């Protein structure tokens, strides 16, 4: 009798451990040590933010989201890693 073992791929959602802004680029460091950066100008609200407002970003939801309280803007880490940007 032949038996086949099928392994299911477990999808792990990325989690950020650190976030910072340099020259209008937002960077996140992930738990797997990758660093992902994106231009703030790819998002409508962030595009209009001052440099000081951009730098006031915080990690939220245990590293699953970024939050700019003063701008009332939230981005998910999984969306960033997937490249889901608002502006072309």
N, C-alpha and C. Protein backbone atom coordinates (compact mmCIF):
# COMPACT_ATOMS: atom_id res chain seq x y z
N UNK A 1 0.84 -1.17 0.00
CA UNK A 1 0.00 0.00 0.00
C UNK A 1 0.89 1.25 0.00
N UNK A 2 0.62 2.11 -0.93
CA UNK A 2 1.35 3.37 -1.01
C UNK A 2 0.64 4.42 -0.18
N UNK A 3 1.38 5.17 0.57
CA UNK A 3 0.78 6.29 1.30
C UNK A 3 1.57 7.55 0.95
N UNK A 4 0.85 8.59 0.76
CA UNK A 4 1.46 9.86 0.40
C UNK A 4 1.21 10.86 1.52
N UNK A 5 2.28 11.50 1.90
CA UNK A 5 2.15 12.54 2.91
C UNK A 5 2.10 13.88 2.19
N UNK A 6 1.07 14.62 2.47
CA UNK A 6 0.91 15.93 1.87
C UNK A 6 1.15 16.97 2.95
N UNK A 7 2.12 17.81 2.70
CA UNK A 7 2.41 18.87 3.67
C UNK A 7 1.66 20.12 3.26
N UNK A 8 0.96 20.68 4.22
CA UNK A 8 0.27 21.94 3.96
C UNK A 8 1.23 23.08 4.22
N UNK A 9 1.20 24.05 3.31
CA UNK A 9 2.02 25.23 3.49
C UNK A 9 1.34 26.15 4.49
N UNK A 10 2.05 26.46 5.54
CA UNK A 10 1.51 27.36 6.55
C UNK A 10 1.96 28.77 6.21
N UNK A 11 0.98 29.63 6.04
CA UNK A 11 1.28 31.01 5.71
C UNK A 11 1.49 31.80 7.00
N UNK A 12 2.65 32.38 7.13
CA UNK A 12 2.98 33.15 8.31
C UNK A 12 2.94 34.62 7.94
N UNK A 13 2.14 35.35 8.67
CA UNK A 13 2.01 36.79 8.41
C UNK A 13 3.25 37.51 8.95
N UNK A 14 3.82 38.42 8.14
CA UNK A 14 5.03 39.12 8.59
C UNK A 14 4.75 40.04 9.78
N UNK A 15 5.74 40.13 10.66
CA UNK A 15 5.64 40.96 11.85
C UNK A 15 6.85 41.88 11.89
N UNK A 16 6.61 43.15 12.14
CA UNK A 16 7.70 44.13 12.24
C UNK A 16 8.19 44.22 13.68
N UNK A 17 9.50 44.38 13.82
CA UNK A 17 10.10 44.57 15.15
C UNK A 17 10.61 45.99 15.34
N UNK A 18 10.73 46.72 14.22
CA UNK A 18 11.27 48.07 14.28
C UNK A 18 10.74 48.86 13.09
N UNK A 19 10.52 50.16 13.28
CA UNK A 19 10.11 51.04 12.18
C UNK A 19 10.84 52.37 12.32
N UNK A 20 11.26 52.93 11.19
CA UNK A 20 11.91 54.24 11.20
C UNK A 20 11.76 54.88 9.82
N UNK A 21 12.03 56.18 9.77
CA UNK A 21 11.89 56.96 8.53
C UNK A 21 13.20 57.69 8.25
N UNK A 22 13.66 57.58 7.01
CA UNK A 22 14.85 58.31 6.55
C UNK A 22 14.54 58.88 5.17
N UNK A 23 14.73 60.17 5.01
CA UNK A 23 14.55 60.81 3.70
C UNK A 23 13.23 60.45 3.03
N UNK A 24 12.16 60.51 3.79
CA UNK A 24 10.79 60.24 3.32
C UNK A 24 10.60 58.79 2.86
N UNK A 25 11.48 57.91 3.31
CA UNK A 25 11.32 56.48 3.08
C UNK A 25 11.06 55.82 4.42
N UNK A 26 10.01 55.00 4.48
CA UNK A 26 9.65 54.29 5.71
C UNK A 26 10.28 52.90 5.64
N UNK A 27 10.98 52.52 6.69
CA UNK A 27 11.62 51.21 6.76
C UNK A 27 11.01 50.40 7.90
N UNK A 28 10.86 49.11 7.65
CA UNK A 28 10.47 48.20 8.72
C UNK A 28 11.44 47.03 8.74
N UNK A 29 11.79 46.60 9.94
CA UNK A 29 12.60 45.40 10.11
C UNK A 29 11.66 44.31 10.57
N UNK A 30 11.73 43.15 9.94
CA UNK A 30 10.82 42.05 10.24
C UNK A 30 11.48 41.03 11.17
N UNK A 31 10.67 40.17 11.75
CA UNK A 31 11.18 39.16 12.68
C UNK A 31 12.18 38.22 12.02
N UNK A 32 12.10 38.05 10.69
CA UNK A 32 13.05 37.18 9.99
C UNK A 32 14.30 37.94 9.56
N UNK A 33 14.45 39.16 10.07
CA UNK A 33 15.62 40.04 9.86
C UNK A 33 15.65 40.73 8.50
N UNK A 34 14.60 40.55 7.69
CA UNK A 34 14.54 41.32 6.45
C UNK A 34 14.20 42.76 6.78
N UNK A 35 14.68 43.68 5.94
CA UNK A 35 14.32 45.09 6.05
C UNK A 35 13.61 45.46 4.76
N UNK A 36 12.45 46.07 4.91
CA UNK A 36 11.64 46.49 3.76
C UNK A 36 11.46 48.00 3.87
N UNK A 37 11.66 48.69 2.76
CA UNK A 37 11.47 50.14 2.73
C UNK A 37 10.54 50.53 1.60
N UNK A 38 9.81 51.60 1.81
CA UNK A 38 8.92 52.11 0.76
C UNK A 38 8.85 53.63 0.86
N UNK A 39 8.67 54.30 -0.30
CA UNK A 39 8.54 55.76 -0.27
C UNK A 39 7.21 56.17 0.33
N UNK A 40 7.25 57.08 1.28
CA UNK A 40 6.03 57.56 1.92
C UNK A 40 5.07 58.17 0.89
N UNK A 41 5.62 58.71 -0.17
CA UNK A 41 4.79 59.37 -1.18
C UNK A 41 3.90 58.41 -1.96
N UNK A 42 4.00 57.11 -1.71
CA UNK A 42 3.12 56.13 -2.36
C UNK A 42 1.74 56.08 -1.70
N UNK A 43 1.58 56.76 -0.58
CA UNK A 43 0.31 56.78 0.13
C UNK A 43 -0.19 58.22 0.23
N UNK A 44 -1.46 58.41 -0.07
CA UNK A 44 -2.04 59.76 -0.15
C UNK A 44 -1.79 60.60 1.09
N UNK A 45 -2.11 60.07 2.24
CA UNK A 45 -1.98 60.84 3.48
C UNK A 45 -0.51 61.08 3.81
N UNK A 46 0.32 60.07 3.64
CA UNK A 46 1.74 60.23 3.95
C UNK A 46 2.43 61.18 2.98
N UNK A 47 1.97 61.22 1.76
CA UNK A 47 2.55 62.11 0.75
C UNK A 47 2.44 63.57 1.18
N UNK A 48 1.36 63.92 1.84
CA UNK A 48 1.12 65.29 2.26
C UNK A 48 1.68 65.60 3.65
N UNK A 49 2.27 64.63 4.30
CA UNK A 49 2.79 64.82 5.66
C UNK A 49 4.14 65.52 5.63
N UNK A 50 4.42 66.26 6.68
CA UNK A 50 5.74 66.86 6.83
C UNK A 50 6.73 65.77 7.25
N UNK A 51 8.00 66.07 7.15
CA UNK A 51 9.03 65.11 7.58
C UNK A 51 8.89 64.78 9.06
N UNK A 52 8.59 65.79 9.86
CA UNK A 52 8.41 65.55 11.30
C UNK A 52 7.20 64.66 11.57
N UNK A 53 6.12 64.86 10.84
CA UNK A 53 4.93 64.01 11.01
C UNK A 53 5.23 62.56 10.61
N UNK A 54 5.99 62.38 9.54
CA UNK A 54 6.33 61.02 9.10
C UNK A 54 7.13 60.27 10.15
N UNK A 55 8.02 60.97 10.82
CA UNK A 55 8.89 60.32 11.80
C UNK A 55 8.16 59.88 13.07
N UNK A 56 6.92 60.31 13.24
CA UNK A 56 6.15 59.95 14.44
C UNK A 56 5.38 58.65 14.23
N UNK A 57 5.96 57.71 13.55
CA UNK A 57 5.33 56.42 13.29
C UNK A 57 5.60 55.46 14.45
N UNK A 58 4.62 54.62 14.74
CA UNK A 58 4.74 53.64 15.82
C UNK A 58 4.30 52.28 15.32
N UNK A 59 4.88 51.24 15.91
CA UNK A 59 4.39 49.88 15.67
C UNK A 59 3.17 49.65 16.54
N UNK A 60 2.17 49.02 15.98
CA UNK A 60 0.95 48.70 16.73
C UNK A 60 0.56 47.25 16.49
N UNK A 61 -0.38 46.78 17.25
CA UNK A 61 -0.92 45.42 17.13
C UNK A 61 0.19 44.37 17.13
N UNK A 62 1.12 44.51 18.07
CA UNK A 62 2.23 43.57 18.23
C UNK A 62 3.08 43.42 16.98
N UNK A 63 3.23 44.52 16.21
CA UNK A 63 4.09 44.49 15.03
C UNK A 63 3.39 44.18 13.73
N UNK A 64 2.07 44.06 13.77
CA UNK A 64 1.31 43.77 12.55
C UNK A 64 0.88 45.03 11.81
N UNK A 65 1.06 46.20 12.41
CA UNK A 65 0.59 47.45 11.78
C UNK A 65 1.49 48.62 12.16
N UNK A 66 1.45 49.64 11.30
CA UNK A 66 2.11 50.91 11.57
C UNK A 66 1.03 51.95 11.81
N UNK A 67 1.31 52.90 12.70
CA UNK A 67 0.32 53.92 13.04
C UNK A 67 0.99 55.28 13.12
N UNK A 68 0.36 56.25 12.42
CA UNK A 68 0.71 57.67 12.53
C UNK A 68 -0.48 58.33 13.21
N UNK A 69 -0.39 58.51 14.51
CA UNK A 69 -1.51 59.03 15.30
C UNK A 69 -1.92 60.42 14.84
N UNK A 70 -0.97 61.33 14.67
CA UNK A 70 -1.28 62.71 14.27
C UNK A 70 -1.92 62.79 12.89
N UNK A 71 -1.63 61.81 12.03
CA UNK A 71 -2.18 61.80 10.66
C UNK A 71 -3.42 60.91 10.55
N UNK A 72 -3.72 60.17 11.61
CA UNK A 72 -4.83 59.20 11.61
C UNK A 72 -4.68 58.21 10.44
N UNK A 73 -3.47 57.66 10.31
CA UNK A 73 -3.16 56.73 9.22
C UNK A 73 -2.61 55.42 9.78
N UNK A 74 -3.10 54.32 9.25
CA UNK A 74 -2.65 52.98 9.63
C UNK A 74 -2.30 52.20 8.38
N UNK A 75 -1.23 51.42 8.44
CA UNK A 75 -0.85 50.52 7.36
C UNK A 75 -0.54 49.17 7.95
N UNK A 76 -0.93 48.10 7.26
CA UNK A 76 -0.60 46.77 7.75
C UNK A 76 0.78 46.36 7.24
N UNK A 77 1.49 45.64 8.04
CA UNK A 77 2.80 45.15 7.66
C UNK A 77 2.67 44.16 6.50
N UNK A 78 1.66 43.31 6.54
CA UNK A 78 1.48 42.35 5.44
C UNK A 78 1.20 43.07 4.12
N UNK A 79 0.46 44.16 4.15
CA UNK A 79 0.21 44.94 2.94
C UNK A 79 1.47 45.57 2.39
N UNK A 80 2.32 46.07 3.28
CA UNK A 80 3.58 46.66 2.87
C UNK A 80 4.48 45.61 2.22
N UNK A 81 4.62 44.47 2.89
CA UNK A 81 5.47 43.40 2.37
C UNK A 81 4.95 42.88 1.03
N UNK A 82 3.63 42.87 0.87
CA UNK A 82 3.02 42.42 -0.39
C UNK A 82 3.10 43.47 -1.50
N UNK A 83 3.49 44.69 -1.14
CA UNK A 83 3.60 45.75 -2.14
C UNK A 83 2.29 46.41 -2.50
N UNK A 84 1.34 46.40 -1.58
CA UNK A 84 0.04 47.04 -1.82
C UNK A 84 0.14 48.53 -1.54
N UNK A 85 0.33 49.30 -2.60
CA UNK A 85 0.47 50.74 -2.46
C UNK A 85 -0.69 51.44 -3.14
N UNK A 86 -1.11 52.59 -2.61
CA UNK A 86 -2.27 53.31 -3.13
C UNK A 86 -2.00 54.03 -4.44
N UNK A 87 -0.86 54.68 -4.55
CA UNK A 87 -0.59 55.52 -5.71
C UNK A 87 0.29 54.81 -6.72
N UNK A 88 0.03 55.06 -7.98
CA UNK A 88 0.82 54.41 -9.03
C UNK A 88 2.16 55.08 -9.18
